[in-house]
Amino acid sequence: MRSDLLAFRYKLIKDHHWTVSQARELYSESQVGPWINLVASEVTKALGHRYRDVYQKCRNCLIAAYFPGSGSWVDVWDTEPHFPVGHRNDFRLNRLEQYSLHRRVWMEEQLVRRFLHLLIDQHVADTGLTQDAVISSMHRPGSITFSAEEETFNQLYDQALNETIAQAAIEQGYDYAWRVACAAITIVYDVWEIVGTQQAYSSVPEFTDKNDAWL
C-alpha cells in the first residue's frame, strides 16, 4: 500500500496538479473504470517495452542458466547464475517486499515454461515421438537432448518471449491500476485518518523518477 500511495501522490500532484475536489470527481463511480483501463494500458505498454528490452539483451545468459550445456551459450556466465536472470537482484528471503522482483520472477518463470513447451513441440515434430513420450522421458533418470539449429532455437525463444510479454504485461498492468485505484480512494476520501497512516504518508520521500513507482 505504501508504494501505491506514493505512486498516486506523484501522479496526482506532479503530473496533473489536481485539487482534492477534482480528484474526487475523477474517482467517482462513473469515472474510475475508464481511468483504470487508461492507466492499465499505459503501464502495459511500458512494461512490454521494458521486458522486451531486458529479455532480448539477457537471452544468452538466460538460456545458459536454465538450459546448461546448450551450444554456444555454455560459457556466458563467469560466475554461478543468479535468478531471476533478468533482474539486477537475485531472489532472497530478505527481498520479499521488492514488488518489481516478484513480478520479474513470475515473468521469467512463464517465459522459461513457454520456451520449454515450444522446444518439446519442435522435438516432437523432428523425431516423430508423441508429446507424452517426450514429457515422460524428462521424468526418468538421465536427460533428454533437444537438438535444433541455432536459428530455430532463437526463433522459438523470440516466440516464447512475445507470447509471454503479451500476457504478463496486461496482467501486471491491470494489477497496478487496481492497486493504485484503491490507494487513490484511500487518499481522496481521507480514509488515512481512520487507519492512522497520514503521518507515515506525509513523511515519505519524493520520487525522482515516476517510473520508480511501479517499474
N, C-alpha and C. Protein backbone atom coordinates (compact mmCIF):
# COMPACT_ATOMS: atom_id res chain seq x y z
N MET A 1 0.82 -1.20 0.00
CA MET A 1 0.00 0.00 0.00
C MET A 1 0.86 1.26 0.00
N ARG A 2 1.97 1.23 0.73
CA ARG A 2 2.82 2.41 0.81
C ARG A 2 3.29 2.84 -0.58
N SER A 3 3.73 1.88 -1.40
CA SER A 3 4.20 2.23 -2.75
C SER A 3 3.05 2.74 -3.61
N ASP A 4 1.84 2.22 -3.40
CA ASP A 4 0.67 2.70 -4.15
C ASP A 4 0.36 4.15 -3.80
N LEU A 5 0.44 4.48 -2.51
CA LEU A 5 0.17 5.85 -2.10
C LEU A 5 1.18 6.81 -2.72
N LEU A 6 2.44 6.38 -2.74
CA LEU A 6 3.47 7.21 -3.34
C LEU A 6 3.25 7.38 -4.84
N ALA A 7 2.88 6.30 -5.51
CA ALA A 7 2.65 6.36 -6.95
C ALA A 7 1.49 7.30 -7.27
N PHE A 8 0.42 7.17 -6.52
CA PHE A 8 -0.73 8.04 -6.77
C PHE A 8 -0.40 9.49 -6.42
N ARG A 9 0.35 9.67 -5.35
CA ARG A 9 0.74 11.03 -4.97
C ARG A 9 1.53 11.70 -6.09
N TYR A 10 2.45 10.95 -6.70
CA TYR A 10 3.23 11.51 -7.80
C TYR A 10 2.33 11.89 -8.96
N LYS A 11 1.41 10.97 -9.31
CA LYS A 11 0.54 11.21 -10.47
C LYS A 11 -0.41 12.37 -10.20
N LEU A 12 -0.94 12.44 -8.99
CA LEU A 12 -1.91 13.47 -8.65
C LEU A 12 -1.29 14.86 -8.60
N ILE A 13 -0.14 14.96 -7.93
CA ILE A 13 0.46 16.27 -7.68
C ILE A 13 1.41 16.68 -8.80
N LYS A 14 2.32 15.79 -9.20
CA LYS A 14 3.35 16.16 -10.16
C LYS A 14 2.84 16.23 -11.59
N ASP A 15 1.96 15.27 -11.96
CA ASP A 15 1.52 15.20 -13.35
C ASP A 15 0.38 16.16 -13.66
N HIS A 16 -0.57 16.29 -12.73
CA HIS A 16 -1.81 17.00 -13.06
C HIS A 16 -2.09 18.23 -12.21
N HIS A 17 -1.48 18.33 -11.04
CA HIS A 17 -1.72 19.47 -10.14
C HIS A 17 -3.21 19.59 -9.81
N TRP A 18 -3.87 18.45 -9.56
CA TRP A 18 -5.29 18.46 -9.25
C TRP A 18 -5.54 18.95 -7.83
N THR A 19 -6.75 19.52 -7.63
CA THR A 19 -7.24 19.78 -6.29
C THR A 19 -7.94 18.52 -5.78
N VAL A 20 -8.25 18.50 -4.50
CA VAL A 20 -8.94 17.34 -3.94
C VAL A 20 -10.31 17.16 -4.58
N SER A 21 -11.03 18.26 -4.81
CA SER A 21 -12.36 18.16 -5.43
C SER A 21 -12.27 17.60 -6.85
N GLN A 22 -11.24 18.00 -7.59
CA GLN A 22 -11.06 17.46 -8.94
C GLN A 22 -10.74 15.98 -8.88
N ALA A 23 -9.94 15.60 -7.92
CA ALA A 23 -9.60 14.19 -7.78
C ALA A 23 -10.82 13.36 -7.41
N ARG A 24 -11.67 13.89 -6.53
CA ARG A 24 -12.88 13.17 -6.14
C ARG A 24 -13.81 12.99 -7.34
N GLU A 25 -13.86 14.00 -8.20
CA GLU A 25 -14.68 13.88 -9.41
C GLU A 25 -14.13 12.79 -10.31
N LEU A 26 -12.80 12.73 -10.42
CA LEU A 26 -12.17 11.71 -11.25
C LEU A 26 -12.48 10.32 -10.73
N TYR A 27 -12.44 10.17 -9.40
CA TYR A 27 -12.61 8.85 -8.81
C TYR A 27 -14.04 8.56 -8.43
N SER A 28 -15.01 9.25 -9.04
CA SER A 28 -16.41 8.89 -8.86
C SER A 28 -16.65 7.55 -9.53
N GLU A 29 -17.76 6.93 -9.20
CA GLU A 29 -18.04 5.59 -9.70
C GLU A 29 -18.06 5.53 -11.22
N SER A 30 -18.56 6.60 -11.86
CA SER A 30 -18.68 6.60 -13.32
C SER A 30 -17.35 6.80 -14.03
N GLN A 31 -16.34 7.29 -13.30
CA GLN A 31 -15.06 7.62 -13.92
C GLN A 31 -13.95 6.62 -13.62
N VAL A 32 -14.07 5.91 -12.51
CA VAL A 32 -12.93 5.09 -12.07
C VAL A 32 -12.65 3.95 -13.03
N GLY A 33 -13.71 3.38 -13.65
CA GLY A 33 -13.50 2.28 -14.60
C GLY A 33 -12.66 2.68 -15.80
N PRO A 34 -13.07 3.74 -16.52
CA PRO A 34 -12.25 4.19 -17.65
C PRO A 34 -10.84 4.60 -17.23
N TRP A 35 -10.71 5.20 -16.04
CA TRP A 35 -9.38 5.60 -15.58
C TRP A 35 -8.50 4.38 -15.36
N ILE A 36 -9.05 3.32 -14.77
CA ILE A 36 -8.29 2.09 -14.56
C ILE A 36 -7.83 1.52 -15.90
N ASN A 37 -8.73 1.50 -16.89
CA ASN A 37 -8.36 0.99 -18.20
C ASN A 37 -7.25 1.82 -18.84
N LEU A 38 -7.32 3.14 -18.67
CA LEU A 38 -6.30 4.02 -19.23
C LEU A 38 -4.94 3.77 -18.58
N VAL A 39 -4.93 3.73 -17.25
CA VAL A 39 -3.67 3.50 -16.55
C VAL A 39 -3.11 2.13 -16.88
N ALA A 40 -3.97 1.12 -16.90
CA ALA A 40 -3.52 -0.23 -17.23
C ALA A 40 -2.90 -0.28 -18.62
N SER A 41 -3.51 0.44 -19.57
CA SER A 41 -2.98 0.47 -20.93
C SER A 41 -1.60 1.11 -20.97
N GLU A 42 -1.43 2.21 -20.25
CA GLU A 42 -0.13 2.89 -20.22
C GLU A 42 0.95 2.01 -19.60
N VAL A 43 0.61 1.38 -18.48
CA VAL A 43 1.58 0.53 -17.78
C VAL A 43 1.89 -0.72 -18.60
N THR A 44 0.87 -1.30 -19.23
CA THR A 44 1.08 -2.48 -20.07
C THR A 44 2.07 -2.18 -21.19
N LYS A 45 1.89 -1.05 -21.84
CA LYS A 45 2.79 -0.66 -22.93
C LYS A 45 4.22 -0.48 -22.43
N ALA A 46 4.36 0.22 -21.31
CA ALA A 46 5.70 0.47 -20.76
C ALA A 46 6.37 -0.82 -20.30
N LEU A 47 5.61 -1.69 -19.62
CA LEU A 47 6.17 -2.96 -19.17
C LEU A 47 6.56 -3.83 -20.35
N GLY A 48 5.75 -3.81 -21.41
CA GLY A 48 6.07 -4.58 -22.60
C GLY A 48 7.40 -4.18 -23.19
N HIS A 49 7.63 -2.87 -23.30
CA HIS A 49 8.92 -2.38 -23.81
C HIS A 49 10.06 -2.76 -22.87
N ARG A 50 9.82 -2.63 -21.56
CA ARG A 50 10.87 -2.94 -20.59
C ARG A 50 11.25 -4.42 -20.63
N TYR A 51 10.25 -5.31 -20.61
CA TYR A 51 10.52 -6.74 -20.62
C TYR A 51 11.19 -7.17 -21.92
N ARG A 52 10.73 -6.61 -23.03
CA ARG A 52 11.33 -6.99 -24.31
C ARG A 52 12.81 -6.59 -24.35
N ASP A 53 13.11 -5.39 -23.89
CA ASP A 53 14.50 -4.93 -23.88
C ASP A 53 15.36 -5.80 -22.98
N VAL A 54 14.88 -6.08 -21.78
CA VAL A 54 15.65 -6.86 -20.80
C VAL A 54 15.91 -8.28 -21.30
N TYR A 55 14.86 -8.95 -21.77
CA TYR A 55 15.00 -10.37 -22.10
C TYR A 55 15.54 -10.63 -23.50
N GLN A 56 15.62 -9.61 -24.31
CA GLN A 56 16.40 -9.76 -25.54
C GLN A 56 17.89 -9.62 -25.24
N LYS A 57 18.22 -8.68 -24.35
CA LYS A 57 19.62 -8.47 -24.01
C LYS A 57 20.21 -9.63 -23.20
N CYS A 58 19.40 -10.25 -22.35
CA CYS A 58 19.94 -11.31 -21.49
C CYS A 58 19.60 -12.71 -22.01
N ARG A 59 19.21 -12.80 -23.27
CA ARG A 59 18.80 -14.09 -23.83
C ARG A 59 19.85 -15.17 -23.64
N ASN A 60 21.10 -14.90 -24.01
CA ASN A 60 22.15 -15.92 -23.91
C ASN A 60 22.38 -16.34 -22.47
N CYS A 61 22.35 -15.37 -21.55
CA CYS A 61 22.54 -15.69 -20.13
C CYS A 61 21.39 -16.53 -19.61
N LEU A 62 20.17 -16.21 -20.04
CA LEU A 62 19.01 -16.97 -19.57
C LEU A 62 19.05 -18.40 -20.08
N ILE A 63 19.38 -18.57 -21.36
CA ILE A 63 19.44 -19.92 -21.93
C ILE A 63 20.53 -20.74 -21.25
N ALA A 64 21.68 -20.12 -21.00
CA ALA A 64 22.77 -20.83 -20.34
C ALA A 64 22.42 -21.20 -18.91
N ALA A 65 21.62 -20.35 -18.24
CA ALA A 65 21.25 -20.61 -16.85
C ALA A 65 20.22 -21.72 -16.72
N TYR A 66 19.22 -21.71 -17.58
CA TYR A 66 18.13 -22.68 -17.47
C TYR A 66 18.34 -23.93 -18.32
N PHE A 67 19.17 -23.81 -19.35
CA PHE A 67 19.45 -24.94 -20.23
C PHE A 67 20.96 -25.10 -20.35
N PRO A 68 21.64 -25.45 -19.26
CA PRO A 68 23.11 -25.53 -19.26
C PRO A 68 23.62 -26.53 -20.29
N GLY A 69 24.73 -26.17 -20.92
CA GLY A 69 25.33 -27.04 -21.93
C GLY A 69 24.74 -26.86 -23.31
N SER A 70 23.97 -25.78 -23.50
CA SER A 70 23.30 -25.56 -24.79
C SER A 70 24.20 -24.81 -25.76
N GLY A 71 24.87 -25.51 -26.62
CA GLY A 71 25.60 -24.92 -27.73
C GLY A 71 26.54 -23.80 -27.35
N SER A 72 26.43 -22.68 -28.07
CA SER A 72 27.37 -21.57 -27.92
C SER A 72 27.11 -20.74 -26.67
N TRP A 73 26.12 -21.11 -25.86
CA TRP A 73 25.79 -20.33 -24.66
C TRP A 73 26.40 -20.93 -23.40
N VAL A 74 27.27 -21.94 -23.55
CA VAL A 74 27.78 -22.67 -22.39
C VAL A 74 28.54 -21.76 -21.44
N ASP A 75 29.42 -20.92 -21.94
CA ASP A 75 30.37 -20.19 -21.09
C ASP A 75 30.05 -18.70 -20.94
N VAL A 76 28.78 -18.31 -21.03
CA VAL A 76 28.47 -16.89 -20.95
C VAL A 76 28.48 -16.37 -19.51
N TRP A 77 28.40 -17.26 -18.52
CA TRP A 77 28.45 -16.86 -17.12
C TRP A 77 29.86 -17.01 -16.58
N ASP A 78 30.41 -15.94 -16.02
CA ASP A 78 31.72 -16.01 -15.37
C ASP A 78 31.60 -16.59 -13.96
N THR A 79 30.42 -16.44 -13.35
CA THR A 79 30.16 -16.97 -12.02
C THR A 79 28.89 -17.82 -12.07
N GLU A 80 28.44 -18.27 -10.90
CA GLU A 80 27.18 -19.01 -10.85
C GLU A 80 26.03 -18.10 -11.26
N PRO A 81 25.09 -18.60 -12.08
CA PRO A 81 23.94 -17.77 -12.48
C PRO A 81 23.12 -17.34 -11.27
N HIS A 82 22.53 -16.15 -11.34
CA HIS A 82 21.60 -15.73 -10.30
C HIS A 82 20.20 -15.70 -10.90
N PHE A 83 19.22 -15.88 -10.05
CA PHE A 83 17.84 -15.95 -10.51
C PHE A 83 16.99 -14.93 -9.75
N PRO A 84 16.12 -14.20 -10.45
CA PRO A 84 15.88 -14.27 -11.89
C PRO A 84 17.03 -13.64 -12.68
N VAL A 85 17.28 -14.19 -13.84
CA VAL A 85 18.38 -13.70 -14.68
C VAL A 85 18.12 -12.26 -15.13
N GLY A 86 16.86 -11.93 -15.39
CA GLY A 86 16.52 -10.63 -15.93
C GLY A 86 16.29 -9.54 -14.91
N HIS A 87 16.85 -9.66 -13.72
CA HIS A 87 16.72 -8.62 -12.70
C HIS A 87 18.07 -8.39 -12.05
N ARG A 88 18.32 -7.16 -11.64
CA ARG A 88 19.63 -6.84 -11.06
C ARG A 88 19.85 -7.55 -9.72
N ASN A 89 18.77 -7.91 -9.02
CA ASN A 89 18.87 -8.59 -7.74
C ASN A 89 18.42 -10.04 -7.86
N ASP A 90 19.12 -10.94 -7.18
CA ASP A 90 18.64 -12.31 -7.14
C ASP A 90 17.57 -12.42 -6.05
N PHE A 91 16.78 -13.49 -6.13
CA PHE A 91 15.65 -13.65 -5.22
C PHE A 91 16.13 -14.24 -3.91
N ARG A 92 15.89 -13.50 -2.82
CA ARG A 92 16.26 -13.96 -1.48
C ARG A 92 15.12 -13.65 -0.53
N LEU A 93 15.13 -14.35 0.61
CA LEU A 93 14.06 -14.18 1.58
C LEU A 93 14.00 -12.75 2.12
N ASN A 94 15.16 -12.10 2.22
CA ASN A 94 15.17 -10.74 2.76
C ASN A 94 14.78 -9.70 1.71
N ARG A 95 14.39 -10.15 0.52
CA ARG A 95 13.95 -9.24 -0.53
C ARG A 95 12.50 -9.49 -0.94
N LEU A 96 11.74 -10.10 -0.06
CA LEU A 96 10.37 -10.47 -0.39
C LEU A 96 9.47 -9.27 -0.62
N GLU A 97 9.84 -8.11 -0.08
CA GLU A 97 9.00 -6.92 -0.22
C GLU A 97 9.27 -6.16 -1.51
N GLN A 98 10.22 -6.60 -2.30
CA GLN A 98 10.52 -5.92 -3.57
C GLN A 98 9.50 -6.36 -4.63
N TYR A 99 8.51 -5.51 -4.85
CA TYR A 99 7.42 -5.88 -5.75
C TYR A 99 7.91 -6.12 -7.18
N SER A 100 8.83 -5.29 -7.64
CA SER A 100 9.34 -5.47 -9.01
C SER A 100 10.06 -6.80 -9.16
N LEU A 101 10.71 -7.26 -8.09
CA LEU A 101 11.40 -8.54 -8.13
C LEU A 101 10.40 -9.69 -8.22
N HIS A 102 9.31 -9.59 -7.48
CA HIS A 102 8.25 -10.60 -7.56
C HIS A 102 7.73 -10.72 -8.98
N ARG A 103 7.44 -9.58 -9.59
CA ARG A 103 6.89 -9.59 -10.95
C ARG A 103 7.89 -10.16 -11.94
N ARG A 104 9.16 -9.85 -11.76
CA ARG A 104 10.17 -10.34 -12.69
C ARG A 104 10.35 -11.86 -12.55
N VAL A 105 10.28 -12.37 -11.32
CA VAL A 105 10.36 -13.81 -11.10
C VAL A 105 9.23 -14.52 -11.83
N TRP A 106 8.01 -13.98 -11.69
CA TRP A 106 6.86 -14.60 -12.35
C TRP A 106 7.00 -14.52 -13.86
N MET A 107 7.38 -13.38 -14.37
CA MET A 107 7.57 -13.19 -15.81
C MET A 107 8.58 -14.19 -16.34
N GLU A 108 9.70 -14.31 -15.66
CA GLU A 108 10.76 -15.19 -16.14
C GLU A 108 10.35 -16.66 -16.07
N GLU A 109 9.62 -17.03 -15.04
CA GLU A 109 9.14 -18.41 -14.94
C GLU A 109 8.22 -18.75 -16.10
N GLN A 110 7.30 -17.83 -16.42
CA GLN A 110 6.39 -18.07 -17.54
C GLN A 110 7.14 -18.13 -18.87
N LEU A 111 8.16 -17.30 -19.02
CA LEU A 111 8.96 -17.31 -20.25
C LEU A 111 9.67 -18.64 -20.43
N VAL A 112 10.31 -19.12 -19.38
CA VAL A 112 11.05 -20.39 -19.46
C VAL A 112 10.10 -21.55 -19.71
N ARG A 113 8.95 -21.54 -19.05
CA ARG A 113 7.96 -22.60 -19.26
C ARG A 113 7.49 -22.63 -20.72
N ARG A 114 7.17 -21.46 -21.25
CA ARG A 114 6.69 -21.41 -22.62
C ARG A 114 7.78 -21.82 -23.60
N PHE A 115 9.00 -21.39 -23.35
CA PHE A 115 10.11 -21.76 -24.21
C PHE A 115 10.32 -23.27 -24.20
N LEU A 116 10.23 -23.88 -23.02
CA LEU A 116 10.38 -25.33 -22.92
C LEU A 116 9.27 -26.05 -23.68
N HIS A 117 8.04 -25.56 -23.57
CA HIS A 117 6.93 -26.18 -24.31
C HIS A 117 7.17 -26.11 -25.82
N LEU A 118 7.69 -25.00 -26.30
CA LEU A 118 7.97 -24.88 -27.73
C LEU A 118 9.10 -25.81 -28.15
N LEU A 119 10.10 -25.98 -27.29
CA LEU A 119 11.18 -26.92 -27.59
C LEU A 119 10.65 -28.35 -27.66
N ILE A 120 9.74 -28.68 -26.77
CA ILE A 120 9.14 -30.01 -26.79
C ILE A 120 8.36 -30.22 -28.09
N ASP A 121 7.56 -29.22 -28.46
CA ASP A 121 6.79 -29.32 -29.71
C ASP A 121 7.72 -29.48 -30.91
N GLN A 122 8.82 -28.75 -30.92
CA GLN A 122 9.78 -28.86 -32.01
C GLN A 122 10.42 -30.24 -32.03
N HIS A 123 10.74 -30.77 -30.85
CA HIS A 123 11.34 -32.11 -30.75
C HIS A 123 10.36 -33.17 -31.25
N VAL A 124 9.09 -33.00 -30.94
CA VAL A 124 8.06 -33.92 -31.43
C VAL A 124 8.00 -33.89 -32.95
N ALA A 125 8.03 -32.69 -33.52
CA ALA A 125 7.97 -32.55 -34.97
C ALA A 125 9.20 -33.15 -35.65
N ASP A 126 10.37 -33.03 -35.01
CA ASP A 126 11.61 -33.51 -35.62
C ASP A 126 11.79 -35.02 -35.49
N THR A 127 11.28 -35.61 -34.41
CA THR A 127 11.55 -37.03 -34.13
C THR A 127 10.38 -37.95 -34.41
N GLY A 128 9.18 -37.41 -34.47
CA GLY A 128 8.01 -38.25 -34.66
C GLY A 128 7.49 -38.86 -33.37
N LEU A 129 8.13 -38.58 -32.25
CA LEU A 129 7.65 -39.05 -30.95
C LEU A 129 6.39 -38.28 -30.56
N THR A 130 5.62 -38.87 -29.66
CA THR A 130 4.46 -38.16 -29.15
C THR A 130 4.90 -37.19 -28.05
N GLN A 131 4.08 -36.19 -27.80
CA GLN A 131 4.41 -35.24 -26.74
C GLN A 131 4.45 -35.93 -25.38
N ASP A 132 3.51 -36.86 -25.15
CA ASP A 132 3.50 -37.58 -23.88
C ASP A 132 4.79 -38.38 -23.69
N ALA A 133 5.29 -38.97 -24.78
CA ALA A 133 6.52 -39.76 -24.68
C ALA A 133 7.71 -38.88 -24.33
N VAL A 134 7.77 -37.70 -24.93
CA VAL A 134 8.87 -36.78 -24.65
C VAL A 134 8.81 -36.29 -23.21
N ILE A 135 7.62 -35.92 -22.76
CA ILE A 135 7.47 -35.42 -21.39
C ILE A 135 7.77 -36.52 -20.38
N SER A 136 7.32 -37.74 -20.66
CA SER A 136 7.60 -38.85 -19.76
C SER A 136 9.09 -39.12 -19.64
N SER A 137 9.81 -39.01 -20.75
CA SER A 137 11.25 -39.25 -20.72
C SER A 137 11.99 -38.22 -19.90
N MET A 138 11.40 -37.03 -19.74
CA MET A 138 12.04 -35.98 -18.95
C MET A 138 11.97 -36.27 -17.46
N HIS A 139 11.09 -37.17 -17.06
CA HIS A 139 10.93 -37.51 -15.64
C HIS A 139 11.73 -38.76 -15.26
N ARG A 140 12.37 -39.37 -16.22
CA ARG A 140 13.18 -40.55 -15.93
C ARG A 140 14.64 -40.16 -15.71
N PRO A 141 15.42 -41.02 -15.03
CA PRO A 141 16.84 -40.72 -14.81
C PRO A 141 17.56 -40.44 -16.13
N GLY A 142 18.55 -39.57 -16.08
CA GLY A 142 19.23 -39.15 -17.30
C GLY A 142 18.55 -37.91 -17.84
N SER A 143 19.03 -37.42 -18.95
CA SER A 143 18.46 -36.20 -19.52
C SER A 143 18.15 -36.40 -20.99
N ILE A 144 17.08 -35.76 -21.44
CA ILE A 144 16.72 -35.78 -22.85
C ILE A 144 17.42 -34.62 -23.55
N THR A 145 17.84 -34.84 -24.76
CA THR A 145 18.56 -33.81 -25.52
C THR A 145 17.65 -33.24 -26.60
N PHE A 146 17.46 -31.93 -26.55
CA PHE A 146 16.72 -31.24 -27.60
C PHE A 146 17.73 -30.71 -28.60
N SER A 147 17.59 -31.12 -29.84
CA SER A 147 18.52 -30.65 -30.87
C SER A 147 17.75 -29.77 -31.85
N ALA A 148 18.31 -28.59 -32.10
CA ALA A 148 17.70 -27.66 -33.05
C ALA A 148 18.78 -26.73 -33.57
N GLU A 149 18.61 -26.29 -34.79
CA GLU A 149 19.53 -25.30 -35.33
C GLU A 149 19.47 -24.03 -34.49
N GLU A 150 20.60 -23.32 -34.43
CA GLU A 150 20.64 -22.11 -33.60
C GLU A 150 19.59 -21.10 -34.05
N GLU A 151 19.36 -20.99 -35.36
CA GLU A 151 18.36 -20.06 -35.86
C GLU A 151 16.97 -20.45 -35.36
N THR A 152 16.67 -21.75 -35.41
CA THR A 152 15.38 -22.23 -34.92
C THR A 152 15.26 -22.00 -33.42
N PHE A 153 16.34 -22.25 -32.70
CA PHE A 153 16.38 -22.04 -31.26
C PHE A 153 16.05 -20.59 -30.93
N ASN A 154 16.65 -19.68 -31.65
CA ASN A 154 16.41 -18.25 -31.42
C ASN A 154 14.98 -17.85 -31.78
N GLN A 155 14.46 -18.43 -32.86
CA GLN A 155 13.09 -18.13 -33.27
C GLN A 155 12.09 -18.59 -32.21
N LEU A 156 12.34 -19.77 -31.65
CA LEU A 156 11.46 -20.28 -30.61
C LEU A 156 11.53 -19.41 -29.36
N TYR A 157 12.72 -18.94 -29.04
CA TYR A 157 12.87 -18.05 -27.88
C TYR A 157 12.10 -16.75 -28.11
N ASP A 158 12.24 -16.18 -29.31
CA ASP A 158 11.54 -14.93 -29.62
C ASP A 158 10.03 -15.13 -29.56
N GLN A 159 9.55 -16.27 -30.05
CA GLN A 159 8.12 -16.57 -29.98
C GLN A 159 7.65 -16.66 -28.54
N ALA A 160 8.42 -17.39 -27.73
CA ALA A 160 8.07 -17.52 -26.31
C ALA A 160 8.07 -16.17 -25.62
N LEU A 161 9.04 -15.33 -25.95
CA LEU A 161 9.13 -14.00 -25.34
C LEU A 161 7.93 -13.14 -25.72
N ASN A 162 7.58 -13.13 -27.00
CA ASN A 162 6.45 -12.32 -27.46
C ASN A 162 5.14 -12.75 -26.79
N GLU A 163 4.92 -14.06 -26.72
CA GLU A 163 3.69 -14.56 -26.13
C GLU A 163 3.63 -14.29 -24.63
N THR A 164 4.76 -14.45 -23.96
CA THR A 164 4.80 -14.24 -22.51
C THR A 164 4.62 -12.77 -22.17
N ILE A 165 5.26 -11.90 -22.92
CA ILE A 165 5.12 -10.46 -22.67
C ILE A 165 3.67 -10.03 -22.85
N ALA A 166 3.02 -10.52 -23.89
CA ALA A 166 1.64 -10.14 -24.15
C ALA A 166 0.75 -10.45 -22.96
N GLN A 167 0.98 -11.60 -22.34
CA GLN A 167 0.17 -12.00 -21.19
C GLN A 167 0.60 -11.26 -19.92
N ALA A 168 1.89 -11.28 -19.63
CA ALA A 168 2.39 -10.73 -18.37
C ALA A 168 2.17 -9.23 -18.26
N ALA A 169 2.43 -8.50 -19.33
CA ALA A 169 2.31 -7.05 -19.28
C ALA A 169 0.87 -6.62 -19.02
N ILE A 170 -0.09 -7.29 -19.66
CA ILE A 170 -1.50 -6.95 -19.44
C ILE A 170 -1.92 -7.25 -18.01
N GLU A 171 -1.59 -8.44 -17.53
CA GLU A 171 -1.98 -8.82 -16.17
C GLU A 171 -1.37 -7.89 -15.14
N GLN A 172 -0.10 -7.58 -15.30
CA GLN A 172 0.58 -6.72 -14.33
C GLN A 172 0.14 -5.26 -14.48
N GLY A 173 -0.22 -4.86 -15.69
CA GLY A 173 -0.74 -3.51 -15.89
C GLY A 173 -2.04 -3.29 -15.15
N TYR A 174 -2.95 -4.26 -15.24
CA TYR A 174 -4.23 -4.13 -14.53
C TYR A 174 -4.05 -4.30 -13.03
N ASP A 175 -3.14 -5.15 -12.63
CA ASP A 175 -2.85 -5.30 -11.21
C ASP A 175 -2.39 -3.96 -10.63
N TYR A 176 -1.49 -3.30 -11.34
CA TYR A 176 -1.01 -1.99 -10.88
C TYR A 176 -2.14 -0.97 -10.83
N ALA A 177 -2.95 -0.92 -11.90
CA ALA A 177 -4.02 0.07 -11.97
C ALA A 177 -5.02 -0.10 -10.83
N TRP A 178 -5.38 -1.33 -10.52
CA TRP A 178 -6.32 -1.57 -9.44
C TRP A 178 -5.72 -1.22 -8.09
N ARG A 179 -4.46 -1.51 -7.89
CA ARG A 179 -3.83 -1.19 -6.61
C ARG A 179 -3.76 0.33 -6.41
N VAL A 180 -3.43 1.04 -7.48
CA VAL A 180 -3.37 2.50 -7.36
C VAL A 180 -4.77 3.08 -7.18
N ALA A 181 -5.78 2.49 -7.82
CA ALA A 181 -7.15 2.97 -7.64
C ALA A 181 -7.58 2.83 -6.18
N CYS A 182 -7.24 1.70 -5.57
CA CYS A 182 -7.56 1.52 -4.16
C CYS A 182 -6.83 2.54 -3.30
N ALA A 183 -5.57 2.78 -3.62
CA ALA A 183 -4.80 3.78 -2.87
C ALA A 183 -5.38 5.16 -3.08
N ALA A 184 -5.86 5.43 -4.31
CA ALA A 184 -6.43 6.74 -4.61
C ALA A 184 -7.68 7.00 -3.79
N ILE A 185 -8.54 5.99 -3.70
CA ILE A 185 -9.75 6.13 -2.90
C ILE A 185 -9.39 6.39 -1.44
N THR A 186 -8.39 5.69 -0.96
CA THR A 186 -7.93 5.88 0.42
C THR A 186 -7.50 7.31 0.66
N ILE A 187 -6.74 7.87 -0.28
CA ILE A 187 -6.24 9.23 -0.12
C ILE A 187 -7.34 10.26 -0.30
N VAL A 188 -8.09 10.13 -1.37
CA VAL A 188 -9.06 11.17 -1.73
C VAL A 188 -10.17 11.31 -0.69
N TYR A 189 -10.61 10.20 -0.13
CA TYR A 189 -11.70 10.26 0.83
C TYR A 189 -11.23 10.25 2.28
N ASP A 190 -9.97 10.62 2.49
CA ASP A 190 -9.42 10.82 3.82
C ASP A 190 -9.50 9.57 4.70
N VAL A 191 -9.44 8.41 4.07
CA VAL A 191 -9.51 7.18 4.86
C VAL A 191 -8.28 7.03 5.74
N TRP A 192 -7.16 7.67 5.35
CA TRP A 192 -5.95 7.52 6.14
C TRP A 192 -6.14 8.01 7.57
N GLU A 193 -7.08 8.95 7.78
CA GLU A 193 -7.33 9.45 9.12
C GLU A 193 -7.95 8.37 10.00
N ILE A 194 -8.66 7.45 9.35
CA ILE A 194 -9.27 6.36 10.09
C ILE A 194 -8.23 5.31 10.45
N VAL A 195 -7.36 4.99 9.51
CA VAL A 195 -6.38 3.92 9.75
C VAL A 195 -5.09 4.45 10.34
N GLY A 196 -4.98 5.77 10.51
CA GLY A 196 -3.84 6.34 11.20
C GLY A 196 -2.55 6.33 10.41
N THR A 197 -2.62 6.56 9.09
CA THR A 197 -1.42 6.49 8.26
C THR A 197 -1.04 7.84 7.68
N GLN A 198 -1.71 8.90 8.09
CA GLN A 198 -1.44 10.21 7.48
C GLN A 198 -0.01 10.64 7.73
N GLN A 199 0.48 10.44 8.94
CA GLN A 199 1.83 10.88 9.26
C GLN A 199 2.86 10.11 8.45
N ALA A 200 2.67 8.79 8.34
CA ALA A 200 3.61 7.98 7.57
C ALA A 200 3.59 8.39 6.11
N TYR A 201 2.38 8.69 5.60
CA TYR A 201 2.27 9.08 4.19
C TYR A 201 2.96 10.41 3.92
N SER A 202 2.76 11.39 4.81
CA SER A 202 3.29 12.72 4.57
C SER A 202 4.80 12.79 4.74
N SER A 203 5.39 11.80 5.41
CA SER A 203 6.82 11.87 5.69
C SER A 203 7.68 11.11 4.71
N VAL A 204 7.06 10.40 3.75
CA VAL A 204 7.85 9.60 2.82
C VAL A 204 8.52 10.51 1.81
N PRO A 205 9.68 10.11 1.26
CA PRO A 205 10.41 10.97 0.33
C PRO A 205 9.75 11.06 -1.03
N GLU A 206 10.09 12.11 -1.77
CA GLU A 206 9.58 12.29 -3.12
C GLU A 206 10.29 11.33 -4.08
N PHE A 207 9.60 10.97 -5.16
CA PHE A 207 10.23 10.21 -6.22
C PHE A 207 11.05 11.15 -7.10
N THR A 208 12.20 10.72 -7.52
CA THR A 208 12.96 11.47 -8.50
C THR A 208 12.59 11.05 -9.91
N ASP A 209 12.01 9.86 -10.04
CA ASP A 209 11.59 9.33 -11.34
C ASP A 209 10.26 8.64 -11.15
N LYS A 210 9.24 9.06 -11.88
CA LYS A 210 7.93 8.47 -11.69
C LYS A 210 7.91 6.99 -12.03
N ASN A 211 8.83 6.51 -12.85
CA ASN A 211 8.87 5.10 -13.17
C ASN A 211 9.20 4.25 -11.95
N ASP A 212 9.87 4.85 -10.95
CA ASP A 212 10.19 4.11 -9.74
C ASP A 212 8.95 3.69 -8.99
N ALA A 213 7.83 4.32 -9.29
CA ALA A 213 6.60 3.99 -8.59
C ALA A 213 6.10 2.60 -8.92
N TRP A 214 6.43 2.09 -10.09
CA TRP A 214 5.86 0.79 -10.43
C TRP A 214 6.77 -0.09 -11.27
N LEU A 215 7.84 0.44 -11.86
CA LEU A 215 8.71 -0.39 -12.68
C LEU A 215 9.84 -0.99 -11.87
